[in-house]
Amino acid sequence: MGSLILILIPILLTDAANPVLLAVVVFALGSKRPLLNANAVLFGWFILYFIAGIFLALGLESISEFLANPRPIDFYIETVVGVLLIWLAFRCFKKEDPRKKEKDYGDADTLKTSSAFILGASINLISLPFAIPYFAALDQILKSDLDWLAAVMTLLVYNLLYVLPFFILVIIRLIYKEKSDRLFAMINEKMEKVGNIILPLLLILIGGALLTDAIKYFVTGVPLF
C-alpha cells in the first residue's frame, strides 16, 4: 500500500494540474451565489470522475486489449479527430468578439446551482478521454491487487484529494468575500491570456500526433503509438 501511495502522488499532482476545472471554478466564484455554485461545480466534477473511474476500472482490461489490436477504421477516425483538433486550434487563435465576452459575464451572474453541477459534470465527461494520468492511476490501483473495498476507497480518496486544491479557492472566497473578487478577476485574466496561447498549441500538438500516427499506419502498417 505504501508503494502504491508513492506512485499515485506524482500521478495525482499531474492529474490535478487542470486549467479547465480551475477556469470553471473561478467562473462560478464570479456568480451571484459563488460558494454554492463553486461547490456544485466541484461536486459535479467529483461525482462524474469517481463513477467513471469505477466503470473504467471494470473495463480497463477490455480497453487495453482494444488498444493493443487496432483496426483500420480506428485510424480513419483518428485522422478525422486530428484534423478537427488542428482546425479548432486555429479557431482558438482568433480574437473573441467583445460583445460575446460581455454575454459570458452575464451568464456567470445568472448561473444556477443546478446548472453549475451539470457544468462541472459535463465538462469532466468531455475531457475524460484525455485524462491520461487518471487512466494511469486506475492501472496502478488495479495492479496493486487490493480487495474491491480497498480499491474503491483508494479511488475515493484520490478523487477527494484531486478537488482539494480547487476547494481552497472556495475557502479564500468565504474568508475574504468581496475582497477576493479582484484576485479571481486577475486569475481569470491571466488564465485567459495564457490559455489563448497554450490551448491552441496543445491542440495542434495532439492533433499533429494523431495525424502522424494514422499516416504512419497507412504507409507502413504499423502505428506510431
Protein backbone atom coordinates (compact mmCIF):
# COMPACT_ATOMS: atom_id res chain seq x y z
CA MET A 1 0.00 0.00 0.00
CA GLY A 2 2.87 2.36 0.80
CA SER A 3 4.46 1.84 -2.60
CA LEU A 4 1.08 2.46 -4.27
CA ILE A 5 0.76 5.81 -2.47
CA LEU A 6 4.24 6.83 -3.60
CA ILE A 7 3.27 6.04 -7.19
CA LEU A 8 -0.12 7.73 -7.02
CA ILE A 9 1.12 11.03 -5.53
CA PRO A 10 3.01 12.26 -8.65
CA ILE A 11 0.19 10.97 -10.87
CA LEU A 12 -2.33 12.90 -8.76
CA LEU A 13 -0.25 16.09 -8.91
CA THR A 14 -0.07 15.81 -12.70
CA ASP A 15 -3.76 15.00 -12.99
CA ALA A 16 -4.84 17.87 -10.71
CA ALA A 17 -2.90 20.45 -12.75
CA ASN A 18 -6.13 21.03 -14.65
CA PRO A 19 -6.63 24.54 -16.04
CA VAL A 20 -10.11 23.62 -17.28
CA LEU A 21 -11.51 22.88 -13.83
CA LEU A 22 -9.70 25.91 -12.42
CA ALA A 23 -11.31 28.15 -15.02
CA VAL A 24 -14.78 26.75 -14.31
CA VAL A 25 -14.41 27.16 -10.53
CA VAL A 26 -13.21 30.75 -10.94
CA PHE A 27 -16.13 31.33 -13.30
CA ALA A 28 -18.57 30.00 -10.69
CA LEU A 29 -16.97 32.16 -7.99
CA GLY A 30 -17.84 35.18 -10.10
CA SER A 31 -21.56 34.41 -9.97
CA LYS A 32 -24.20 35.77 -7.59
CA ARG A 33 -24.03 32.59 -5.48
CA PRO A 34 -20.27 31.99 -5.59
CA LEU A 35 -19.93 29.48 -2.74
CA LEU A 36 -22.91 27.31 -3.69
CA ASN A 37 -22.08 27.35 -7.39
CA ALA A 38 -18.37 26.66 -6.98
CA ASN A 39 -19.10 23.75 -4.62
CA ALA A 40 -21.71 22.45 -7.08
CA VAL A 41 -19.12 22.54 -9.89
CA LEU A 42 -16.62 20.62 -7.76
CA PHE A 43 -19.23 18.10 -6.60
CA GLY A 44 -20.42 17.52 -10.17
CA TRP A 45 -16.83 17.02 -11.32
CA PHE A 46 -16.05 14.73 -8.35
CA ILE A 47 -19.13 12.51 -8.77
CA LEU A 48 -18.60 12.05 -12.50
CA TYR A 49 -14.86 11.38 -12.11
CA PHE A 50 -15.39 8.86 -9.30
CA ILE A 51 -18.20 6.92 -11.01
CA ALA A 52 -16.40 6.99 -14.35
CA GLY A 53 -13.27 5.70 -12.61
CA ILE A 54 -15.16 2.66 -11.30
CA PHE A 55 -16.61 1.81 -14.70
CA LEU A 56 -13.29 2.44 -16.45
CA ALA A 57 -11.51 0.18 -13.97
CA LEU A 58 -14.02 -2.59 -14.65
CA GLY A 59 -13.44 -2.30 -18.39
CA LEU A 60 -9.76 -1.40 -18.38
CA GLU A 61 -8.66 -4.87 -19.48
CA SER A 62 -11.01 -4.77 -22.47
CA ILE A 63 -9.86 -1.24 -23.31
CA SER A 64 -6.20 -2.34 -23.17
CA GLU A 65 -6.94 -5.28 -25.48
CA PHE A 66 -8.77 -2.98 -27.90
CA LEU A 67 -5.85 -0.54 -27.96
CA ALA A 68 -3.38 -3.39 -28.48
CA ASN A 69 -5.30 -4.60 -31.57
CA PRO A 70 -6.39 -1.51 -33.51
CA ARG A 71 -8.43 -1.75 -36.71
CA PRO A 72 -8.10 0.37 -39.88
CA ILE A 73 -11.37 2.16 -39.07
CA ASP A 74 -9.78 3.37 -35.83
CA PHE A 75 -7.12 5.23 -37.79
CA TYR A 76 -9.67 6.80 -40.14
CA ILE A 77 -11.43 8.11 -37.04
CA GLU A 78 -8.07 9.20 -35.62
CA THR A 79 -7.39 11.16 -38.83
CA VAL A 80 -10.72 12.98 -38.60
CA VAL A 81 -10.18 13.77 -34.91
CA GLY A 82 -6.65 15.04 -35.62
CA VAL A 83 -7.87 17.35 -38.38
CA LEU A 84 -10.71 18.64 -36.19
CA LEU A 85 -8.31 19.38 -33.32
CA ILE A 86 -5.98 21.35 -35.59
CA TRP A 87 -8.95 23.22 -37.07
CA LEU A 88 -10.17 24.01 -33.57
CA ALA A 89 -6.68 25.26 -32.64
CA PHE A 90 -6.71 27.81 -35.47
CA ARG A 91 -10.21 28.85 -34.45
CA CYS A 92 -8.90 29.48 -30.93
CA PHE A 93 -6.24 31.84 -32.28
CA LYS A 94 -8.98 34.20 -33.46
CA LYS A 95 -9.84 37.07 -31.13
CA GLU A 96 -13.18 36.94 -29.34
CA ASP A 97 -15.92 39.41 -30.08
CA PRO A 98 -16.10 41.83 -27.09
CA ARG A 99 -19.90 41.52 -27.15
CA LYS A 100 -19.55 37.75 -26.66
CA LYS A 101 -17.34 38.34 -23.61
CA GLU A 102 -19.97 40.58 -22.10
CA LYS A 103 -22.57 37.88 -22.67
CA ASP A 104 -20.33 35.30 -20.94
CA TYR A 105 -20.11 37.51 -17.83
CA GLY A 106 -23.88 37.85 -17.89
CA ASP A 107 -24.20 34.05 -17.88
CA ALA A 108 -21.98 33.91 -14.80
CA ASP A 109 -24.24 36.37 -12.99
CA THR A 110 -27.31 34.20 -13.64
CA LEU A 111 -25.65 30.81 -13.06
CA LYS A 112 -27.87 28.48 -11.03
CA THR A 113 -26.56 25.86 -8.60
CA SER A 114 -28.14 23.01 -10.55
CA SER A 115 -26.59 24.35 -13.76
CA ALA A 116 -23.21 24.62 -12.01
CA PHE A 117 -23.42 20.94 -11.01
CA ILE A 118 -24.24 19.91 -14.58
CA LEU A 119 -21.48 22.19 -15.87
CA GLY A 120 -18.86 20.52 -13.68
CA ALA A 121 -20.00 17.01 -14.61
CA SER A 122 -20.39 17.68 -18.34
CA ILE A 123 -17.00 19.35 -18.77
CA ASN A 124 -15.41 16.43 -16.93
CA LEU A 125 -17.20 13.99 -19.24
CA ILE A 126 -15.98 15.82 -22.34
CA SER A 127 -12.38 15.92 -21.13
CA LEU A 128 -12.38 12.37 -19.72
CA PRO A 129 -10.89 10.69 -22.84
CA PHE A 130 -7.83 12.94 -22.46
CA ALA A 131 -7.34 12.24 -18.73
CA ILE A 132 -4.27 10.08 -19.29
CA PRO A 133 -2.98 10.44 -15.69
CA TYR A 134 -6.33 9.15 -14.40
CA PHE A 135 -6.02 6.04 -16.56
CA ALA A 136 -2.51 5.58 -15.17
CA ALA A 137 -3.83 5.89 -11.61
CA LEU A 138 -6.55 3.32 -12.28
CA ASP A 139 -3.99 0.97 -13.77
CA GLN A 140 -1.76 1.25 -10.69
CA ILE A 141 -4.70 0.65 -8.33
CA LEU A 142 -5.67 -2.48 -10.27
CA LYS A 143 -2.08 -3.75 -10.28
CA SER A 144 -1.85 -3.41 -6.50
CA ASP A 145 -4.16 -6.43 -6.03
CA LEU A 146 -6.26 -4.71 -3.37
CA ASP A 147 -9.64 -6.18 -2.49
CA TRP A 148 -12.61 -4.38 -4.07
CA LEU A 149 -13.45 -2.29 -0.99
CA ALA A 150 -9.88 -1.08 -0.51
CA ALA A 151 -9.60 -0.31 -4.22
CA VAL A 152 -12.83 1.72 -4.21
CA MET A 153 -11.75 3.60 -1.07
CA THR A 154 -8.36 4.35 -2.65
CA LEU A 155 -10.11 5.72 -5.72
CA LEU A 156 -12.43 7.76 -3.48
CA VAL A 157 -9.51 9.31 -1.58
CA TYR A 158 -7.72 10.01 -4.88
CA ASN A 159 -10.75 11.94 -6.16
CA LEU A 160 -11.17 13.84 -2.89
CA LEU A 161 -7.54 14.92 -2.97
CA TYR A 162 -7.98 15.88 -6.62
CA VAL A 163 -10.63 18.52 -5.86
CA LEU A 164 -8.95 19.71 -2.64
CA PRO A 165 -6.70 22.39 -4.23
CA PHE A 166 -9.70 23.84 -6.08
CA PHE A 167 -11.75 23.85 -2.87
CA ILE A 168 -9.08 26.14 -1.38
CA LEU A 169 -10.32 28.82 -3.79
CA VAL A 170 -13.79 28.44 -2.28
CA ILE A 171 -12.33 28.89 1.22
CA ILE A 172 -10.50 32.03 0.08
CA ARG A 173 -13.78 33.42 -1.25
CA LEU A 174 -15.53 32.50 2.01
CA ILE A 175 -12.92 34.23 4.19
CA TYR A 176 -12.23 37.34 2.16
CA LYS A 177 -15.65 37.62 0.49
CA GLU A 178 -15.87 40.54 -1.96
CA LYS A 179 -12.23 41.47 -1.32
CA SER A 180 -11.21 38.33 -3.21
CA ASP A 181 -13.13 39.35 -6.33
CA ARG A 182 -10.12 41.28 -7.57
CA LEU A 183 -7.93 38.21 -7.06
CA PHE A 184 -10.27 35.97 -9.07
CA ALA A 185 -10.61 38.61 -11.75
CA MET A 186 -6.82 38.71 -12.03
CA ILE A 187 -6.63 34.89 -12.17
CA ASN A 188 -9.26 34.87 -14.92
CA GLU A 189 -7.38 37.50 -16.87
CA LYS A 190 -4.04 35.69 -16.57
CA MET A 191 -5.60 32.34 -17.46
CA GLU A 192 -7.29 33.84 -20.50
CA LYS A 193 -4.02 35.30 -21.78
CA VAL A 194 -2.05 32.09 -21.17
CA GLY A 195 -4.89 29.87 -22.39
CA ASN A 196 -5.16 31.77 -25.67
CA ILE A 197 -1.59 30.70 -26.40
CA ILE A 198 -1.18 27.33 -24.68
CA LEU A 199 -4.55 25.77 -25.58
CA PRO A 200 -4.18 26.14 -29.38
CA LEU A 201 -0.60 24.87 -29.19
CA LEU A 202 -1.70 21.82 -27.21
CA LEU A 203 -4.49 21.15 -29.69
CA ILE A 204 -2.04 21.38 -32.58
CA LEU A 205 0.40 19.08 -30.78
CA ILE A 206 -2.26 16.45 -30.00
CA GLY A 207 -3.87 16.73 -33.44
CA GLY A 208 -0.48 16.50 -35.15
CA ALA A 209 0.45 13.43 -33.11
CA LEU A 210 -2.82 11.72 -34.06
CA LEU A 211 -2.33 12.53 -37.75
CA THR A 212 1.28 11.31 -37.64
CA ASP A 213 0.16 8.07 -36.00
CA ALA A 214 -2.53 7.49 -38.62
CA ILE A 215 -0.26 8.36 -41.57
CA LYS A 216 2.46 6.01 -40.31
CA TYR A 217 -0.11 3.21 -40.02
CA PHE A 218 -1.45 3.77 -43.55
CA VAL A 219 2.09 3.91 -45.02
CA THR A 220 3.87 1.18 -43.05
CA GLY A 221 1.03 -0.80 -41.47
CA VAL A 222 2.47 -0.13 -38.01
CA PRO A 223 1.15 2.69 -35.81
CA LEU A 224 3.46 5.18 -34.14
CA PHE A 225 1.95 4.72 -30.67
